[in-house]
Full PDB file with SEQRES, HELIX, SHEET, SSBOND, CRYST1, ORIGX, SCALE, CONECT and MASTER records, all heavy atoms in Angstrom:
SEQRES   1 A   30  ALA ARG LYS LEU LEU GLY VAL LEU ARG LYS GLY GLU ALA          
SEQRES   2 A   30  ALA LEU VAL VAL TRP SER ALA LYS TYR ASP LYS THR GLU          
SEQRES   3 A   30  ASP ASP THR LEU                                              
SHEET    1 AA1 2 ARG A   2  LYS A  10  0                                        
SHEET    2 AA1 2 ALA A  13  LYS A  21 -1                                        
CRYST1    1.000    1.000    1.000  90.00  90.00  90.00 P 1           1          
ORIGX1      1.000000  0.000000  0.000000        0.00000                         
ORIGX2      0.000000  1.000000  0.000000        0.00000                         
ORIGX3      0.000000  0.000000  1.000000        0.00000                         
SCALE1      1.000000  0.000000  0.000000        0.00000                         
SCALE2      0.000000  1.000000  0.000000        0.00000                         
SCALE3      0.000000  0.000000  1.000000        0.00000                         
ATOM      1  N   ALA A   1      83.133 143.516 155.695  1.00  0.00           N  
ATOM      2  CA  ALA A   1      83.871 142.653 156.646  1.00  0.00           C  
ATOM      3  C   ALA A   1      83.393 141.212 156.469  1.00  0.00           C  
ATOM      4  O   ALA A   1      82.267 140.965 156.134  1.00  0.00           O  
ATOM      5  CB  ALA A   1      83.623 143.101 158.067  1.00  0.00           C  
ATOM      6  N   ARG A   2      84.347 140.309 156.670  1.00  0.00           N  
ATOM      7  CA  ARG A   2      83.984 138.894 156.699  1.00  0.00           C  
ATOM      8  C   ARG A   2      84.829 138.167 157.754  1.00  0.00           C  
ATOM      9  O   ARG A   2      85.952 138.562 158.028  1.00  0.00           O  
ATOM     10  CB  ARG A   2      84.100 138.259 155.335  1.00  0.00           C  
ATOM     11  CG  ARG A   2      85.472 138.088 154.791  1.00  0.00           C  
ATOM     12  CD  ARG A   2      85.441 137.344 153.448  1.00  0.00           C  
ATOM     13  NE  ARG A   2      86.782 137.178 152.952  1.00  0.00           N  
ATOM     14  CZ  ARG A   2      87.451 138.021 152.215  1.00  0.00           C  
ATOM     15  NH1 ARG A   2      86.845 139.119 151.781  1.00  0.00           N  
ATOM     16  NH2 ARG A   2      88.685 137.779 151.832  1.00  0.00           N  
ATOM     17  N   LYS A   3      84.199 137.140 158.309  1.00  0.00           N  
ATOM     18  CA  LYS A   3      84.860 136.358 159.354  1.00  0.00           C  
ATOM     19  C   LYS A   3      84.767 134.890 158.954  1.00  0.00           C  
ATOM     20  O   LYS A   3      83.708 134.377 158.652  1.00  0.00           O  
ATOM     21  CB  LYS A   3      84.139 136.581 160.699  1.00  0.00           C  
ATOM     22  CG  LYS A   3      84.686 135.738 161.806  1.00  0.00           C  
ATOM     23  CD  LYS A   3      83.887 135.956 163.068  1.00  0.00           C  
ATOM     24  CE  LYS A   3      84.311 134.987 164.146  1.00  0.00           C  
ATOM     25  NZ  LYS A   3      83.452 135.033 165.303  1.00  0.00           N  
ATOM     26  N   LEU A   4      85.924 134.219 158.950  1.00  0.00           N  
ATOM     27  CA  LEU A   4      85.947 132.814 158.649  1.00  0.00           C  
ATOM     28  C   LEU A   4      85.221 132.040 159.701  1.00  0.00           C  
ATOM     29  O   LEU A   4      85.435 132.216 160.891  1.00  0.00           O  
ATOM     30  CB  LEU A   4      87.408 132.343 158.551  1.00  0.00           C  
ATOM     31  CG  LEU A   4      87.566 130.857 158.235  1.00  0.00           C  
ATOM     32  CD1 LEU A   4      87.222 130.579 156.768  1.00  0.00           C  
ATOM     33  CD2 LEU A   4      88.989 130.405 158.538  1.00  0.00           C  
ATOM     34  N   LEU A   5      84.297 131.182 159.270  1.00  0.00           N  
ATOM     35  CA  LEU A   5      83.577 130.325 160.193  1.00  0.00           C  
ATOM     36  C   LEU A   5      84.149 128.926 160.240  1.00  0.00           C  
ATOM     37  O   LEU A   5      84.089 128.242 161.293  1.00  0.00           O  
ATOM     38  CB  LEU A   5      82.086 130.232 159.819  1.00  0.00           C  
ATOM     39  CG  LEU A   5      81.308 131.546 159.908  1.00  0.00           C  
ATOM     40  CD1 LEU A   5      79.864 131.346 159.473  1.00  0.00           C  
ATOM     41  CD2 LEU A   5      81.390 132.145 161.303  1.00  0.00           C  
ATOM     42  N   GLY A   6      84.739 128.457 159.116  1.00  0.00           N  
ATOM     43  CA  GLY A   6      85.336 127.154 159.161  1.00  0.00           C  
ATOM     44  C   GLY A   6      85.566 126.537 157.822  1.00  0.00           C  
ATOM     45  O   GLY A   6      85.194 127.060 156.763  1.00  0.00           O  
ATOM     46  N   VAL A   7      86.178 125.353 157.868  1.00  0.00           N  
ATOM     47  CA  VAL A   7      86.493 124.563 156.704  1.00  0.00           C  
ATOM     48  C   VAL A   7      85.938 123.169 156.923  1.00  0.00           C  
ATOM     49  O   VAL A   7      86.164 122.560 157.987  1.00  0.00           O  
ATOM     50  CB  VAL A   7      88.027 124.470 156.475  1.00  0.00           C  
ATOM     51  CG1 VAL A   7      88.369 123.531 155.322  1.00  0.00           C  
ATOM     52  CG2 VAL A   7      88.636 125.831 156.259  1.00  0.00           C  
ATOM     53  N   LEU A   8      85.210 122.659 155.959  1.00  0.00           N  
ATOM     54  CA  LEU A   8      84.671 121.304 156.005  1.00  0.00           C  
ATOM     55  C   LEU A   8      85.181 120.545 154.810  1.00  0.00           C  
ATOM     56  O   LEU A   8      85.385 121.124 153.737  1.00  0.00           O  
ATOM     57  CB  LEU A   8      83.136 121.308 155.971  1.00  0.00           C  
ATOM     58  CG  LEU A   8      82.445 122.168 157.038  1.00  0.00           C  
ATOM     59  CD1 LEU A   8      80.949 122.292 156.719  1.00  0.00           C  
ATOM     60  CD2 LEU A   8      82.657 121.559 158.406  1.00  0.00           C  
ATOM     61  N   ARG A   9      85.378 119.246 154.954  1.00  0.00           N  
ATOM     62  CA  ARG A   9      85.854 118.415 153.859  1.00  0.00           C  
ATOM     63  C   ARG A   9      84.760 117.468 153.466  1.00  0.00           C  
ATOM     64  O   ARG A   9      84.129 116.852 154.325  1.00  0.00           O  
ATOM     65  CB  ARG A   9      87.118 117.665 154.272  1.00  0.00           C  
ATOM     66  CG  ARG A   9      88.303 118.585 154.434  1.00  0.00           C  
ATOM     67  CD  ARG A   9      89.417 117.887 155.220  1.00  0.00           C  
ATOM     68  NE  ARG A   9      90.585 118.718 155.341  1.00  0.00           N  
ATOM     69  CZ  ARG A   9      90.723 119.726 156.217  1.00  0.00           C  
ATOM     70  NH1 ARG A   9      89.724 120.002 157.058  1.00  0.00           N  
ATOM     71  NH2 ARG A   9      91.824 120.431 156.271  1.00  0.00           N  
ATOM     72  N   LYS A  10      84.568 117.295 152.156  1.00  0.00           N  
ATOM     73  CA  LYS A  10      83.577 116.374 151.632  1.00  0.00           C  
ATOM     74  C   LYS A  10      84.088 115.766 150.355  1.00  0.00           C  
ATOM     75  O   LYS A  10      84.312 116.507 149.376  1.00  0.00           O  
ATOM     76  CB  LYS A  10      82.224 117.068 151.376  1.00  0.00           C  
ATOM     77  CG  LYS A  10      81.146 116.101 150.937  1.00  0.00           C  
ATOM     78  CD  LYS A  10      79.810 116.791 150.996  1.00  0.00           C  
ATOM     79  CE  LYS A  10      78.756 115.837 150.486  1.00  0.00           C  
ATOM     80  NZ  LYS A  10      78.129 115.064 151.535  1.00  0.00           N  
ATOM     81  N   GLY A  11      84.334 114.454 150.362  1.00  0.00           N  
ATOM     82  CA  GLY A  11      84.896 113.820 149.168  1.00  0.00           C  
ATOM     83  C   GLY A  11      86.245 114.407 148.856  1.00  0.00           C  
ATOM     84  O   GLY A  11      87.143 114.441 149.704  1.00  0.00           O  
ATOM     85  N   GLU A  12      86.385 114.936 147.645  1.00  0.00           N  
ATOM     86  CA  GLU A  12      87.630 115.543 147.213  1.00  0.00           C  
ATOM     87  C   GLU A  12      87.555 117.047 147.223  1.00  0.00           C  
ATOM     88  O   GLU A  12      88.344 117.716 146.536  1.00  0.00           O  
ATOM     89  CB  GLU A  12      88.005 115.019 145.821  1.00  0.00           C  
ATOM     90  CG  GLU A  12      88.304 113.533 145.812  1.00  0.00           C  
ATOM     91  CD  GLU A  12      88.653 113.031 144.421  1.00  0.00           C  
ATOM     92  OE1 GLU A  12      88.619 113.819 143.431  1.00  0.00           O  
ATOM     93  OE2 GLU A  12      88.963 111.834 144.341  1.00  0.00           O  
ATOM     94  N   ALA A  13      86.620 117.607 147.978  1.00  0.00           N  
ATOM     95  CA  ALA A  13      86.441 119.063 147.987  1.00  0.00           C  
ATOM     96  C   ALA A  13      86.446 119.590 149.431  1.00  0.00           C  
ATOM     97  O   ALA A  13      86.211 118.850 150.383  1.00  0.00           O  
ATOM     98  CB  ALA A  13      85.128 119.412 147.309  1.00  0.00           C  
ATOM     99  N   ALA A  14      86.699 120.872 149.508  1.00  0.00           N  
ATOM    100  CA  ALA A  14      86.658 121.558 150.805  1.00  0.00           C  
ATOM    101  C   ALA A  14      85.610 122.702 150.705  1.00  0.00           C  
ATOM    102  O   ALA A  14      85.596 123.448 149.710  1.00  0.00           O  
ATOM    103  CB  ALA A  14      88.037 122.136 151.171  1.00  0.00           C  
ATOM    104  N   LEU A  15      84.800 122.804 151.711  1.00  0.00           N  
ATOM    105  CA  LEU A  15      83.811 123.884 151.788  1.00  0.00           C  
ATOM    106  C   LEU A  15      84.351 124.892 152.789  1.00  0.00           C  
ATOM    107  O   LEU A  15      84.598 124.557 153.948  1.00  0.00           O  
ATOM    108  CB  LEU A  15      82.432 123.375 152.258  1.00  0.00           C  
ATOM    109  CG  LEU A  15      81.367 124.416 152.449  1.00  0.00           C  
ATOM    110  CD1 LEU A  15      80.979 125.054 151.127  1.00  0.00           C  
ATOM    111  CD2 LEU A  15      80.146 123.807 153.127  1.00  0.00           C  
ATOM    112  N   VAL A  16      84.519 126.133 152.336  1.00  0.00           N  
ATOM    113  CA  VAL A  16      85.019 127.211 153.188  1.00  0.00           C  
ATOM    114  C   VAL A  16      83.855 128.163 153.395  1.00  0.00           C  
ATOM    115  O   VAL A  16      83.191 128.568 152.413  1.00  0.00           O  
ATOM    116  CB  VAL A  16      86.238 127.916 152.574  1.00  0.00           C  
ATOM    117  CG1 VAL A  16      86.822 128.943 153.544  1.00  0.00           C  
ATOM    118  CG2 VAL A  16      87.306 126.879 152.162  1.00  0.00           C  
ATOM    119  N   VAL A  17      83.600 128.514 154.652  1.00  0.00           N  
ATOM    120  CA  VAL A  17      82.412 129.311 155.003  1.00  0.00           C  
ATOM    121  C   VAL A  17      82.808 130.531 155.779  1.00  0.00           C  
ATOM    122  O   VAL A  17      83.611 130.447 156.742  1.00  0.00           O  
ATOM    123  CB  VAL A  17      81.442 128.457 155.841  1.00  0.00           C  
ATOM    124  CG1 VAL A  17      80.169 129.202 156.142  1.00  0.00           C  
ATOM    125  CG2 VAL A  17      81.103 127.131 155.121  1.00  0.00           C  
ATOM    126  N   TRP A  18      82.265 131.684 155.382  1.00  0.00           N  
ATOM    127  CA  TRP A  18      82.485 132.963 156.071  1.00  0.00           C  
ATOM    128  C   TRP A  18      81.144 133.573 156.448  1.00  0.00           C  
ATOM    129  O   TRP A  18      80.160 133.404 155.725  1.00  0.00           O  
ATOM    130  CB  TRP A  18      83.183 133.985 155.130  1.00  0.00           C  
ATOM    131  CG  TRP A  18      84.530 133.641 154.669  1.00  0.00           C  
ATOM    132  CD1 TRP A  18      85.712 134.044 155.233  1.00  0.00           C  
ATOM    133  CD2 TRP A  18      84.901 132.921 153.501  1.00  0.00           C  
ATOM    134  NE1 TRP A  18      86.781 133.611 154.486  1.00  0.00           N  
ATOM    135  CE2 TRP A  18      86.316 132.903 153.412  1.00  0.00           C  
ATOM    136  CE3 TRP A  18      84.178 132.240 152.515  1.00  0.00           C  
ATOM    137  CZ2 TRP A  18      86.973 132.258 152.391  1.00  0.00           C  
ATOM    138  CZ3 TRP A  18      84.832 131.587 151.502  1.00  0.00           C  
ATOM    139  CH2 TRP A  18      86.231 131.600 151.445  1.00  0.00           C  
ATOM    140  N   SER A  19      81.124 134.350 157.484  1.00  0.00           N  
ATOM    141  CA  SER A  19      80.024 135.258 157.830  1.00  0.00           C  
ATOM    142  C   SER A  19      80.463 136.633 157.320  1.00  0.00           C  
ATOM    143  O   SER A  19      81.599 137.048 157.554  1.00  0.00           O  
ATOM    144  CB  SER A  19      79.799 135.288 159.343  1.00  0.00           C  
ATOM    145  OG  SER A  19      78.869 136.277 159.655  1.00  0.00           O  
ATOM    146  N   ALA A  20      79.564 137.325 156.619  1.00  0.00           N  
ATOM    147  CA  ALA A  20      79.920 138.614 156.041  1.00  0.00           C  
ATOM    148  C   ALA A  20      78.944 139.691 156.380  1.00  0.00           C  
ATOM    149  O   ALA A  20      77.770 139.449 156.586  1.00  0.00           O  
ATOM    150  CB  ALA A  20      80.023 138.477 154.507  1.00  0.00           C  
ATOM    151  N   LYS A  21      79.460 140.899 156.474  1.00  0.00           N  
ATOM    152  CA  LYS A  21      78.651 142.109 156.657  1.00  0.00           C  
ATOM    153  C   LYS A  21      78.761 142.975 155.423  1.00  0.00           C  
ATOM    154  O   LYS A  21      79.854 143.145 154.861  1.00  0.00           O  
ATOM    155  CB  LYS A  21      79.172 142.920 157.865  1.00  0.00           C  
ATOM    156  CG  LYS A  21      78.911 142.259 159.191  1.00  0.00           C  
ATOM    157  CD  LYS A  21      77.475 142.336 159.548  1.00  0.00           C  
ATOM    158  CE  LYS A  21      77.218 141.876 160.967  1.00  0.00           C  
ATOM    159  NZ  LYS A  21      75.821 141.829 161.262  1.00  0.00           N  
ATOM    160  N   TYR A  22      77.602 143.499 154.991  1.00  0.00           N  
ATOM    161  CA  TYR A  22      77.538 144.365 153.828  1.00  0.00           C  
ATOM    162  C   TYR A  22      77.098 145.753 154.251  1.00  0.00           C  
ATOM    163  O   TYR A  22      76.463 145.919 155.275  1.00  0.00           O  
ATOM    164  CB  TYR A  22      76.577 143.772 152.779  1.00  0.00           C  
ATOM    165  CG  TYR A  22      77.186 142.635 152.029  1.00  0.00           C  
ATOM    166  CD1 TYR A  22      77.366 141.375 152.611  1.00  0.00           C  
ATOM    167  CD2 TYR A  22      77.586 142.779 150.730  1.00  0.00           C  
ATOM    168  CE1 TYR A  22      77.932 140.328 151.917  1.00  0.00           C  
ATOM    169  CE2 TYR A  22      78.159 141.737 150.002  1.00  0.00           C  
ATOM    170  CZ  TYR A  22      78.338 140.509 150.625  1.00  0.00           C  
ATOM    171  OH  TYR A  22      78.912 139.475 149.945  1.00  0.00           O  
ATOM    172  N   ASP A  23      77.450 146.744 153.466  1.00  0.00           N  
ATOM    173  CA  ASP A  23      77.225 148.136 153.883  1.00  0.00           C  
ATOM    174  C   ASP A  23      75.772 148.647 153.770  1.00  0.00           C  
ATOM    175  O   ASP A  23      75.468 149.700 154.321  1.00  0.00           O  
ATOM    176  CB  ASP A  23      78.174 149.077 153.154  1.00  0.00           C  
ATOM    177  CG  ASP A  23      78.077 149.099 151.644  1.00  0.00           C  
ATOM    178  OD1 ASP A  23      77.194 148.421 151.084  1.00  0.00           O  
ATOM    179  OD2 ASP A  23      78.835 149.832 151.028  1.00  0.00           O  
ATOM    180  N   LYS A  24      74.880 147.929 153.101  1.00  0.00           N  
ATOM    181  CA  LYS A  24      73.509 148.407 152.954  1.00  0.00           C  
ATOM    182  C   LYS A  24      72.494 147.620 153.784  1.00  0.00           C  
ATOM    183  O   LYS A  24      71.303 147.850 153.675  1.00  0.00           O  
ATOM    184  CB  LYS A  24      73.067 148.372 151.491  1.00  0.00           C  
ATOM    185  CG  LYS A  24      73.722 149.397 150.596  1.00  0.00           C  
ATOM    186  CD  LYS A  24      73.096 149.338 149.214  1.00  0.00           C  
ATOM    187  CE  LYS A  24      73.693 150.367 148.286  1.00  0.00           C  
ATOM    188  NZ  LYS A  24      73.095 150.236 146.945  1.00  0.00           N  
ATOM    189  N   THR A  25      72.988 146.658 154.592  1.00  0.00           N  
ATOM    190  CA  THR A  25      72.048 145.852 155.380  1.00  0.00           C  
ATOM    191  C   THR A  25      72.671 145.494 156.728  1.00  0.00           C  
ATOM    192  O   THR A  25      73.891 145.399 156.839  1.00  0.00           O  
ATOM    193  CB  THR A  25      71.655 144.568 154.604  1.00  0.00           C  
ATOM    194  OG1 THR A  25      70.746 143.811 155.426  1.00  0.00           O  
ATOM    195  CG2 THR A  25      72.849 143.685 154.280  1.00  0.00           C  
ATOM    196  N   GLU A  26      71.837 145.293 157.694  1.00  0.00           N  
ATOM    197  CA  GLU A  26      72.281 144.855 159.015  1.00  0.00           C  
ATOM    198  C   GLU A  26      72.339 143.331 159.082  1.00  0.00           C  
ATOM    199  O   GLU A  26      72.849 142.739 160.036  1.00  0.00           O  
ATOM    200  CB  GLU A  26      71.357 145.393 160.109  1.00  0.00           C  
ATOM    201  CG  GLU A  26      71.411 146.907 160.239  1.00  0.00           C  
ATOM    202  CD  GLU A  26      72.766 147.412 160.668  1.00  0.00           C  
ATOM    203  OE1 GLU A  26      73.397 146.796 161.561  1.00  0.00           O  
ATOM    204  OE2 GLU A  26      73.232 148.420 160.070  1.00  0.00           O  
ATOM    205  N   ASP A  27      71.728 142.665 158.085  1.00  0.00           N  
ATOM    206  CA  ASP A  27      71.682 141.206 158.079  1.00  0.00           C  
ATOM    207  C   ASP A  27      73.072 140.599 157.868  1.00  0.00           C  
ATOM    208  O   ASP A  27      73.901 141.171 157.198  1.00  0.00           O  
ATOM    209  CB  ASP A  27      70.773 140.706 156.941  1.00  0.00           C  
ATOM    210  CG  ASP A  27      69.311 141.078 157.127  1.00  0.00           C  
ATOM    211  OD1 ASP A  27      68.924 141.351 158.253  1.00  0.00           O  
ATOM    212  OD2 ASP A  27      68.588 141.050 156.108  1.00  0.00           O  
ATOM    213  N   ASP A  28      73.264 139.454 158.507  1.00  0.00           N  
ATOM    214  CA  ASP A  28      74.463 138.667 158.263  1.00  0.00           C  
ATOM    215  C   ASP A  28      74.277 137.936 156.924  1.00  0.00           C  
ATOM    216  O   ASP A  28      73.165 137.536 156.590  1.00  0.00           O  
ATOM    217  CB  ASP A  28      74.676 137.653 159.352  1.00  0.00           C  
ATOM    218  CG  ASP A  28      75.078 138.279 160.665  1.00  0.00           C  
ATOM    219  OD1 ASP A  28      75.867 139.268 160.657  1.00  0.00           O  
ATOM    220  OD2 ASP A  28      74.611 137.803 161.719  1.00  0.00           O  
ATOM    221  N   THR A  29      75.345 137.786 156.219  1.00  0.00           N  
ATOM    222  CA  THR A  29      75.344 137.044 154.971  1.00  0.00           C  
ATOM    223  C   THR A  29      76.323 135.866 155.115  1.00  0.00           C  
ATOM    224  O   THR A  29      77.401 136.043 155.682  1.00  0.00           O  
ATOM    225  CB  THR A  29      75.747 137.932 153.788  1.00  0.00           C  
ATOM    226  OG1 THR A  29      74.808 138.985 153.663  1.00  0.00           O  
ATOM    227  CG2 THR A  29      75.817 137.148 152.483  1.00  0.00           C  
ATOM    228  N   LEU A  30      75.960 134.732 154.585  1.00  0.00           N  
ATOM    229  CA  LEU A  30      76.843 133.572 154.611  1.00  0.00           C  
ATOM    230  C   LEU A  30      77.438 133.427 153.221  1.00  0.00           C  
ATOM    231  O   LEU A  30      76.731 133.402 152.231  1.00  0.00           O  
ATOM    232  CB  LEU A  30      76.010 132.335 154.947  1.00  0.00           C  
ATOM    233  CG  LEU A  30      76.710 131.093 155.429  1.00  0.00           C  
ATOM    234  CD1 LEU A  30      77.516 131.369 156.691  1.00  0.00           C  
ATOM    235  CD2 LEU A  30      75.710 129.958 155.666  1.00  0.00           C  
TER     236      LEU A  30                                                      
MASTER        0    0    0    0    2    0    0    6  235    1    0    3          
END                                                                             
């Protein structure tokens, strides 16, 4: 599973960030 956290703009680029869940860990992954 992944959840969109947001979109940031910097110069001529966009940073897209998600929080993700993986099946072998309880930790959140960015």
